[in-house]
Every structure is written in C-alpha cells, then in structure tokens.
Amino acid sequence: MAEYKVGEHTYSPEQILEINRIFHDFQCHVYDNMQEHMHKEEAAYWQGLARRAMKLAACDGPRTVMDYGCGTGMVAGVFSGVLGVADRLICMDISEGMLDRTRQRLAGAAAKTEFICGEAFSQGPDGPVDIITLNSVLHHLPRPVEHLKQLASFLRPGGVLVVAHEPNRKWMDNPVMRGANRLKGKASQLVHKLRRRPATQAGEGGRGFTADVAAAINEAGVVSWEVKRQEVTKLANIHAPDDGKGDGLAFDVQALSQEVAAELTLVETETKAPLGGYGYKNPLLTTVEQALCKAFPDDGSLFMVIWRKR
C-alpha cells in the first residue's frame, strides 16, 4: 500500500484516513460558512449534474443513490429533491460530525434515507447502487484509484459514478493558467487590504483551526510523533494542489480512466474555474475566464467526470 511523506514523517493510508476523520469532525461546524459563494455555485452546478446522472443511469423502478463523502449534505440535498418515496438515498462519510449535518439537512426528505459512518473498504451499502457521487472527496483519499474500484463494485452494471470538484492535473501543468491564478490572488489580496477585512476568526481557545486539529490528532495518538499545525491541511488534502503553485499531485482524468478501465467506462468529463476558484466575479474576470476556457477547454482548475459500470 502507498505511504505518504509530509514534513519529516511518513504516514500510512489508515493514518491519513483517521486524520481526515478528525479534521472533518472539527470542520463540520464551520464548513457551510466557508466560501459560501463556492457552495452556492456548486449546488447550482449539481442541479444539472444530478439530472444528467439520472438519465445516464437509466434506472428501471426504484432508484438507489449513494453520496460518498457526503460532508454536510449539499449533493445529497440536491438528489433528495428529485428522488421519490420509493427511492433510496444513502449518505456515507468518515466523519460523524459531517454525517450529523447531513441528517439535519435531509430531515423530511421524501426518499428513504440511510446514513453510514465509515469508508468504502470497511463498510458498504446493502444491495447494488444505481448512482454513486463524490464531490470534493477524491483529493482526501490516500488510495484514490483503489477507492474508485471499490466504489465501482457497489454499482449495478450500467450504473454511474460521478466525481466532481477535484483538482485537474492539466491545469497544474499549464503555466498560463497558473500565472493567471497568481495574478488573481494578488489582486484579491490587494482588495482585501484596501477594504480592511477582519482577520479570520480563531478556533477554540484562540489557537486557530489547524492548531486545534493538530492538538486533537496528537491527543488521539494517531502517530507516535507530534503533528505540527502547519502540516494539518496537507495531511487532510493529500492530493490537492498547494495554493495553485503547481506542486500538488492533482489528477489526470484520462490517466484515472485508464487505471479503472476494467471496471468503468468514461462517459463524459468537463473542466471549469480556469482562474483557480470561485467568487470575485466582475466583468473583467468573466471576460478573462471566457477567453481562457476557449483557449484551453480541458485545462480548468476543477474537473467533473462520469464513468459507467461495465
């Protein structure tokens, strides 16, 4: 199994998963307030994506949808609006805190809702699934390809696996895209400075969010050494790019598709967010984004992919 070096130490996949559990148990309390504009745009995007997935899955009779790494339930909430009383909606997350938030969001949903706290190698759904979704999950997983294959085993033949909001390797390798992202970041910093925006609120005890998470990891004894505050984000986002500088791992959709080709067939893919994120919308940035999309249609910073089970 793969191991991951962060700082001076090497972590096993099991340790990475446990760190993710602790990280998201803390983050669940503030997640929906973080980058609120991003969550609104993602929810709107998934409205259309859910309809496409339902059509591609071509379900006969009651449908079963599983949202893996459901977080606070944004994607599950979208599907709850299109599923009926005969359908099943399964929400699975490694964090009990995140799962509680999803329970609250789905209270009163028409579909039969089920909640699983765990991960794909230790638990799974009861019976075959028509659609499995992952939104902003793959870059948290220590064994992403193995996870995709395991999730594919939960699908019925012809079912679809939908992955979205993941870092795109082609964007990371494109110097024009990375340069544009850095320029936007500098402009954003200047705007914040001119507006004198308040500093980010500290975590419990005034230590800051990552310091609280590091303390919890060390208290739980996940590893025999002390995890430092500055290592927390990299440990919880092991495949994500670091500040758009090109030193993250990210994912190549075509390479991923080849690795899971025995289980899954590529149906469609697309990229978005050429400037590396959301928000700060104005006519100038919109024009720049449109030009970048036209010049590099496959190089947006985030990708979506739909695979069909063979």
Protein backbone atom coordinates (compact mmCIF):
# COMPACT_ATOMS: atom_id res chain seq x y z
CA MET A 1 0.00 0.00 0.00
CA ALA A 2 1.13 3.54 -0.72
CA GLU A 3 2.60 5.67 2.02
CA TYR A 4 2.71 9.47 2.16
CA LYS A 5 5.55 11.69 3.31
CA VAL A 6 4.56 15.01 4.84
CA GLY A 7 7.26 17.01 6.55
CA GLU A 8 9.78 14.68 8.12
CA HIS A 9 7.42 11.73 8.58
CA THR A 10 5.72 9.04 6.52
CA TYR A 11 2.03 8.23 7.05
CA SER A 12 0.12 5.06 6.20
CA PRO A 13 -3.24 5.19 4.36
CA GLU A 14 -5.00 4.25 7.60
CA GLN A 15 -3.37 7.14 9.44
CA ILE A 16 -4.34 9.55 6.66
CA LEU A 17 -7.97 8.42 6.89
CA GLU A 18 -8.02 8.84 10.66
CA ILE A 19 -6.52 12.32 10.36
CA ASN A 20 -9.22 13.15 7.81
CA ARG A 21 -11.89 11.94 10.22
CA ILE A 22 -10.60 14.20 13.00
CA PHE A 23 -10.10 17.13 10.60
CA HIS A 24 -13.68 16.94 9.30
CA ASP A 25 -15.17 16.42 12.75
CA PHE A 26 -13.77 19.87 13.50
CA GLN A 27 -14.55 21.38 10.12
CA CYS A 28 -18.22 20.31 10.11
CA HIS A 29 -19.10 23.20 12.43
CA VAL A 30 -17.83 25.86 10.03
CA TYR A 31 -17.87 24.12 6.65
CA ASP A 32 -21.08 25.65 5.31
CA ASN A 33 -19.85 29.14 6.21
CA MET A 34 -16.51 28.69 4.47
CA GLN A 35 -16.50 30.19 0.96
CA GLU A 36 -20.28 30.42 0.92
CA HIS A 37 -20.26 31.66 -2.69
CA MET A 38 -18.50 28.43 -3.73
CA HIS A 39 -21.12 26.20 -2.10
CA LYS A 40 -23.94 28.11 -3.80
CA GLU A 41 -22.30 27.72 -7.20
CA GLU A 42 -21.61 24.03 -6.60
CA ALA A 43 -25.21 23.37 -5.54
CA ALA A 44 -26.47 25.05 -8.72
CA TYR A 45 -24.00 23.02 -10.79
CA TRP A 46 -25.16 19.76 -9.21
CA GLN A 47 -28.79 20.53 -10.08
CA GLY A 48 -27.95 19.91 -13.71
CA LEU A 49 -25.43 17.18 -12.97
CA ALA A 50 -27.99 15.19 -10.97
CA ARG A 51 -30.42 15.24 -13.90
CA ARG A 52 -27.69 14.04 -16.27
CA ALA A 53 -26.68 11.25 -13.90
CA MET A 54 -30.27 10.07 -13.51
CA LYS A 55 -30.70 9.98 -17.28
CA LEU A 56 -27.40 8.17 -17.88
CA ALA A 57 -28.10 5.57 -15.19
CA ALA A 58 -31.41 4.73 -16.93
CA CYS A 59 -32.90 3.32 -13.75
CA ASP A 60 -35.91 0.99 -14.04
CA GLY A 61 -38.09 1.06 -10.96
CA PRO A 62 -36.94 2.42 -7.57
CA ARG A 63 -33.56 4.15 -7.70
CA THR A 64 -30.69 4.00 -5.22
CA VAL A 65 -28.25 6.90 -4.98
CA MET A 66 -25.20 6.89 -2.72
CA ASP A 67 -23.34 10.10 -1.84
CA TYR A 68 -19.86 9.02 -0.72
CA GLY A 69 -18.04 11.51 1.48
CA CYS A 70 -21.33 13.38 1.80
CA GLY A 71 -19.97 16.12 4.06
CA THR A 72 -22.78 18.40 5.18
CA GLY A 73 -25.12 17.00 2.51
CA MET A 74 -25.07 19.51 -0.34
CA VAL A 75 -25.16 16.85 -3.08
CA ALA A 76 -27.49 14.59 -1.11
CA GLY A 77 -29.81 17.57 -0.69
CA VAL A 78 -29.90 18.08 -4.45
CA PHE A 79 -30.79 14.43 -5.07
CA SER A 80 -33.41 14.45 -2.31
CA GLY A 81 -35.29 16.95 -4.46
CA VAL A 82 -35.53 14.56 -7.42
CA LEU A 83 -35.98 11.20 -5.65
CA GLY A 84 -39.39 9.88 -4.64
CA VAL A 85 -40.78 7.85 -1.77
CA ALA A 86 -39.86 4.55 -3.45
CA ASP A 87 -36.20 5.55 -3.89
CA ARG A 88 -33.19 5.19 -1.53
CA LEU A 89 -30.65 7.87 -0.70
CA ILE A 90 -27.52 6.58 1.10
CA CYS A 91 -25.19 9.09 2.71
CA MET A 92 -21.74 7.90 3.78
CA ASP A 93 -18.95 9.84 5.45
CA ILE A 94 -15.98 9.02 7.65
CA SER A 95 -16.87 11.92 9.96
CA GLU A 96 -19.81 11.51 12.33
CA GLY A 97 -19.92 15.29 12.68
CA MET A 98 -20.38 15.76 8.94
CA LEU A 99 -22.96 12.97 8.86
CA ASP A 100 -24.99 14.69 11.59
CA ARG A 101 -25.13 17.84 9.47
CA THR A 102 -26.42 15.80 6.54
CA ARG A 103 -29.10 14.24 8.75
CA GLN A 104 -30.29 17.71 9.65
CA ARG A 105 -30.33 18.84 6.02
CA LEU A 106 -32.31 15.80 4.85
CA ALA A 107 -34.93 15.87 7.59
CA GLY A 108 -38.28 15.40 5.86
CA ALA A 109 -36.81 14.09 2.57
CA ALA A 110 -39.26 12.03 0.51
CA ALA A 111 -36.79 9.23 -0.32
CA LYS A 112 -35.79 6.58 2.20
CA THR A 113 -32.58 7.92 3.71
CA GLU A 114 -29.76 5.83 5.18
CA PHE A 115 -26.60 7.01 6.90
CA ILE A 116 -23.31 5.11 7.12
CA CYS A 117 -20.34 6.37 9.13
CA GLY A 118 -17.23 4.80 7.66
CA GLU A 119 -15.29 4.32 4.42
CA ALA A 120 -15.58 2.03 1.43
CA PHE A 121 -13.06 -0.61 2.50
CA SER A 122 -14.74 -1.26 5.85
CA GLN A 123 -18.44 -0.78 5.03
CA GLY A 124 -20.76 -0.62 2.07
CA PRO A 125 -24.39 -0.33 1.02
CA ASP A 126 -26.90 -3.14 1.28
CA GLY A 127 -27.54 -4.14 -2.32
CA PRO A 128 -26.49 -2.65 -5.67
CA VAL A 129 -26.49 1.11 -6.28
CA ASP A 130 -27.57 2.99 -9.41
CA ILE A 131 -25.61 6.21 -8.88
CA ILE A 132 -22.61 7.00 -6.67
CA THR A 133 -21.47 10.59 -6.24
CA LEU A 134 -18.26 12.11 -4.87
CA ASN A 135 -17.95 15.87 -4.56
CA SER A 136 -14.60 17.25 -3.40
CA VAL A 137 -13.66 13.86 -1.92
CA LEU A 138 -11.05 12.21 -4.12
CA HIS A 139 -8.21 14.50 -3.05
CA HIS A 140 -8.75 13.48 0.58
CA LEU A 141 -8.30 9.76 -0.11
CA PRO A 142 -4.93 8.04 0.40
CA ARG A 143 -5.73 5.36 -2.22
CA PRO A 144 -7.89 7.15 -4.79
CA VAL A 145 -7.70 4.56 -7.58
CA GLU A 146 -8.41 1.69 -5.18
CA HIS A 147 -11.32 3.69 -3.75
CA LEU A 148 -12.79 4.20 -7.21
CA LYS A 149 -12.56 0.48 -7.94
CA GLN A 150 -14.14 -0.38 -4.60
CA LEU A 151 -16.98 2.07 -5.18
CA ALA A 152 -17.46 0.61 -8.67
CA SER A 153 -18.06 -2.76 -7.03
CA PHE A 154 -21.11 -1.25 -5.29
CA LEU A 155 -22.71 -0.24 -8.62
CA ARG A 156 -25.05 -2.36 -10.66
CA PRO A 157 -23.98 -2.94 -14.29
CA GLY A 158 -24.84 0.25 -16.17
CA GLY A 159 -24.82 2.35 -13.01
CA VAL A 160 -22.80 5.57 -12.98
CA LEU A 161 -20.07 7.02 -10.79
CA VAL A 162 -19.93 10.84 -10.74
CA VAL A 163 -16.85 12.65 -9.41
CA ALA A 164 -16.74 16.45 -9.25
CA HIS A 165 -14.83 19.41 -7.80
CA GLU A 166 -11.40 17.80 -7.98
CA PRO A 167 -8.01 19.40 -8.83
CA ASN A 168 -7.10 18.99 -12.50
CA ARG A 169 -3.55 17.93 -13.35
CA LYS A 170 -3.68 19.63 -16.75
CA TRP A 171 -4.40 22.97 -15.09
CA MET A 172 -1.44 22.45 -12.78
CA ASP A 173 0.81 21.77 -15.78
CA ASN A 174 -0.37 24.85 -17.71
CA PRO A 175 1.85 27.87 -16.89
CA VAL A 176 -0.68 30.30 -18.39
CA MET A 177 -3.42 29.06 -16.09
CA ARG A 178 -1.20 29.07 -13.01
CA GLY A 179 0.07 32.54 -13.83
CA ALA A 180 -3.45 33.89 -14.25
CA ASN A 181 -4.41 32.34 -10.93
CA ARG A 182 -1.48 34.00 -9.15
CA LEU A 183 -2.38 37.39 -10.63
CA LYS A 184 -5.96 36.99 -9.47
CA GLY A 185 -4.72 36.05 -6.00
CA LYS A 186 -2.54 39.16 -5.76
CA ALA A 187 -5.44 41.32 -6.89
CA SER A 188 -7.70 39.70 -4.29
CA GLN A 189 -5.16 40.34 -1.54
CA LEU A 190 -4.96 43.98 -2.54
CA VAL A 191 -8.76 44.32 -2.49
CA HIS A 192 -8.95 42.73 0.97
CA LYS A 193 -6.23 45.03 2.23
CA LEU A 194 -7.95 48.13 0.87
CA ARG A 195 -11.25 47.04 2.37
CA ARG A 196 -9.52 46.24 5.68
CA ARG A 197 -11.31 42.95 6.05
CA PRO A 198 -11.13 41.46 9.57
CA ALA A 199 -8.75 38.61 10.31
CA THR A 200 -10.04 35.03 10.17
CA GLN A 201 -11.66 34.02 13.43
CA ALA A 202 -9.51 31.79 15.62
CA GLY A 203 -10.51 28.32 16.73
CA GLU A 204 -11.27 27.14 20.23
CA GLY A 205 -9.08 28.75 22.85
CA GLY A 206 -7.90 31.34 20.30
CA ARG A 207 -5.33 28.92 18.85
CA GLY A 208 -6.68 28.69 15.30
CA PHE A 209 -8.44 25.87 13.44
CA THR A 210 -5.36 23.93 12.35
CA ALA A 211 -3.83 24.18 15.82
CA ASP A 212 -7.00 22.68 17.32
CA VAL A 213 -6.96 19.84 14.78
CA ALA A 214 -3.27 19.14 15.38
CA ALA A 215 -3.89 19.01 19.13
CA ALA A 216 -6.75 16.53 18.62
CA ILE A 217 -4.62 14.33 16.33
CA ASN A 218 -1.81 14.27 18.87
CA GLU A 219 -4.19 13.59 21.76
CA ALA A 220 -5.71 10.66 19.85
CA GLY A 221 -2.27 9.14 19.32
CA VAL A 222 -2.76 8.62 15.59
CA VAL A 223 1.02 8.61 15.13
CA SER A 224 3.90 8.28 17.57
CA TRP A 225 5.32 11.72 16.73
CA GLU A 226 3.86 15.19 17.15
CA VAL A 227 1.88 16.51 14.18
CA LYS A 228 2.57 20.20 13.61
CA ARG A 229 -0.12 22.78 12.98
CA GLN A 230 1.32 23.72 9.57
CA GLU A 231 1.12 20.08 8.41
CA VAL A 232 -2.59 19.60 9.09
CA THR A 233 -4.03 20.94 5.83
CA LYS A 234 -1.59 18.96 3.68
CA LEU A 235 -2.36 15.77 5.61
CA ALA A 236 -6.11 16.23 5.12
CA ASN A 237 -5.80 17.23 1.44
CA ILE A 238 -3.00 14.95 0.32
CA HIS A 239 -3.70 15.14 -3.41
CA ALA A 240 -4.83 18.76 -3.59
CA PRO A 241 -2.64 21.49 -5.14
CA ASP A 242 -0.90 23.86 -2.73
CA ASP A 243 -2.04 27.42 -3.42
CA GLY A 244 -2.08 26.84 -7.18
CA LYS A 245 1.73 26.82 -7.39
CA GLY A 246 1.91 23.55 -9.30
CA ASP A 247 3.38 21.38 -6.57
CA GLY A 248 0.25 19.43 -5.70
CA LEU A 249 -0.49 15.99 -7.13
CA ALA A 250 -3.93 16.67 -8.64
CA PHE A 251 -5.47 14.19 -11.10
CA ASP A 252 -5.34 13.47 -14.79
CA VAL A 253 -8.80 12.34 -15.90
CA GLN A 254 -7.55 10.25 -18.81
CA ALA A 255 -4.94 8.53 -16.64
CA LEU A 256 -7.53 7.81 -13.97
CA SER A 257 -9.90 6.41 -16.59
CA GLN A 258 -7.20 4.05 -17.87
CA GLU A 259 -6.49 2.78 -14.35
CA VAL A 260 -10.15 1.93 -13.72
CA ALA A 261 -10.90 0.79 -17.30
CA ALA A 262 -11.56 -2.80 -16.24
CA GLU A 263 -14.44 -1.64 -14.05
CA LEU A 264 -15.61 1.67 -15.52
CA THR A 265 -16.13 3.28 -18.93
CA LEU A 266 -15.59 7.02 -19.37
CA VAL A 267 -18.87 8.69 -20.37
CA GLU A 268 -18.14 12.40 -20.16
CA THR A 269 -15.87 14.92 -18.49
CA GLU A 270 -15.54 18.69 -18.29
CA THR A 271 -13.48 21.31 -16.51
CA LYS A 272 -14.29 24.72 -15.05
CA ALA A 273 -12.89 27.51 -12.86
CA PRO A 274 -9.93 28.44 -15.12
CA LEU A 275 -8.81 31.10 -12.64
CA GLY A 276 -8.48 28.54 -9.88
CA GLY A 277 -11.63 29.03 -7.83
CA TYR A 278 -14.87 30.86 -7.27
CA GLY A 279 -16.06 34.30 -6.34
CA TYR A 280 -14.71 37.77 -7.16
CA LYS A 281 -16.97 37.88 -10.19
CA ASN A 282 -16.82 41.05 -12.24
CA PRO A 283 -16.97 41.80 -15.99
CA LEU A 284 -13.19 41.81 -16.39
CA LEU A 285 -12.64 38.44 -14.68
CA THR A 286 -15.59 36.94 -16.54
CA THR A 287 -14.07 38.04 -19.84
CA VAL A 288 -10.68 36.58 -18.86
CA GLU A 289 -12.28 33.29 -17.81
CA GLN A 290 -14.20 33.02 -21.07
CA ALA A 291 -11.02 33.62 -23.06
CA LEU A 292 -9.08 31.04 -21.05
CA CYS A 293 -11.88 28.46 -21.44
CA LYS A 294 -11.85 28.99 -25.19
CA ALA A 295 -8.07 28.72 -25.40
CA PHE A 296 -7.73 25.76 -23.00
CA PRO A 297 -11.08 23.91 -22.87
CA ASP A 298 -9.65 20.91 -20.97
CA ASP A 299 -7.47 22.87 -18.52
CA GLY A 300 -9.86 24.32 -15.96
CA SER A 301 -8.63 24.03 -12.37
CA LEU A 302 -11.52 21.72 -11.39
CA PHE A 303 -12.86 18.73 -13.27
CA MET A 304 -16.00 16.60 -13.33
CA VAL A 305 -16.13 13.07 -14.71
CA ILE A 306 -18.87 10.47 -15.15
CA TRP A 307 -17.99 6.79 -15.51
CA ARG A 308 -20.41 3.90 -16.23
CA LYS A 309 -20.06 0.47 -14.63
CA ARG A 310 -19.24 -2.21 -17.19
